[in-house]
Amino acid sequence: MKRIALFLLTNLAVMLVLGLAVNLLGLNRFLSANGLDLTALLGFALVIGFGGAFISLLISKPMAKWTMGLQIVNDSTDPTHAWIVATVRRFAGQAGVAMPEVGIYEGAPNAFATGAFKNSALVAVSTGLLQSMSREEVEAVIGHEVAHVANGDMVTLTLIQGVMNTFVVFLSRVIGYVVDRVVLRNQNEGPGIGYFATTIVLDLMLGVLAAMIVAWFSRQREFRADAGAAQFMGRRQPMIHALARLGKLDPGEMPKTLQAMGISARPGGMLALLASHPPIEERIARLQQAQS
């Protein structure tokens, strides 16, 4: 319940901020009696498209701490915590990035990395992961998450999401205007029902297409992070073993803002096109092919 409430409140706050921004900049007046102002519309689309994506990125670390109930263990004297922190520090040193914050949370076997910048990231593992895997397998998973940080995957996905959002907002409103004025021949000063109906439908349809494109990029990023973990470990077998173990475990549900950064997810059927992670079998096969 806490996660749902925080998710809804965060999204409401983001929409309020974006609404205020486009009002102050005058970008919400792209439709007038003189027609469609494409420059203002592009500005509107950019603010809405990139604004939400970048705000989500900037608040990703505090949101992860609040929603997941993270215990930050960088200074912990617990032997298990000290081992996890030392592993993250070793891989961060190999990757040439600053030491991330390290967290542990109660939950099903999973792990994630988040943060707006490479040198101020957060890497977290679940108690379920620690209980279900050998130390070598956990180290491989940690290597995978540090590879996400080193590759700048959080920023890359944010940029791709921003581009896709901008495309959806801009194109749906241009087509909506054409349908309203040319197809339905609305001669009124303001936009008619054709504009609003077309915009809503295209926002949904193009939004699904955009989500598929973002998901495809996310899946490619997972292959790179697996390879990065193998490089940190000095061999691929620990990552292969970790993936095989994950394939037999239920990764549980994570907040949508963190799903793409988790080590594992398990969608199927048509939802595979919207999956942030490739099937475990494909990830293992990719590592084995690289090994041969």
Foldseek 3Di string as FASTA:
>chain_A
DQLVVVVVVVVVVLVVVLVVVLVVVVLVPQAFLVGGNLVSLLVNLLSVLLSVLVVCQACVVVSCCRNQVWDFCCPPPPPVSVVLQVLQVLLCVVLVEARETETEGADAFKKFKGHNALRHIYTYTYPNVVVQDDPLLVSLQSQLRNLCSSVVVSVVLSVLRSVLSSVQSSVQQVVQRCCQCPVVNDNDGGGDPSSVVSSVVSSVVSVVVSLLVSLVVLAVSSLSSLVSSCVSVVHNVSSLVSLVSVLVTARDDDPPSTQSGMNDDDDDDPCCSNHSHHRSVVSSVSRVVVVD
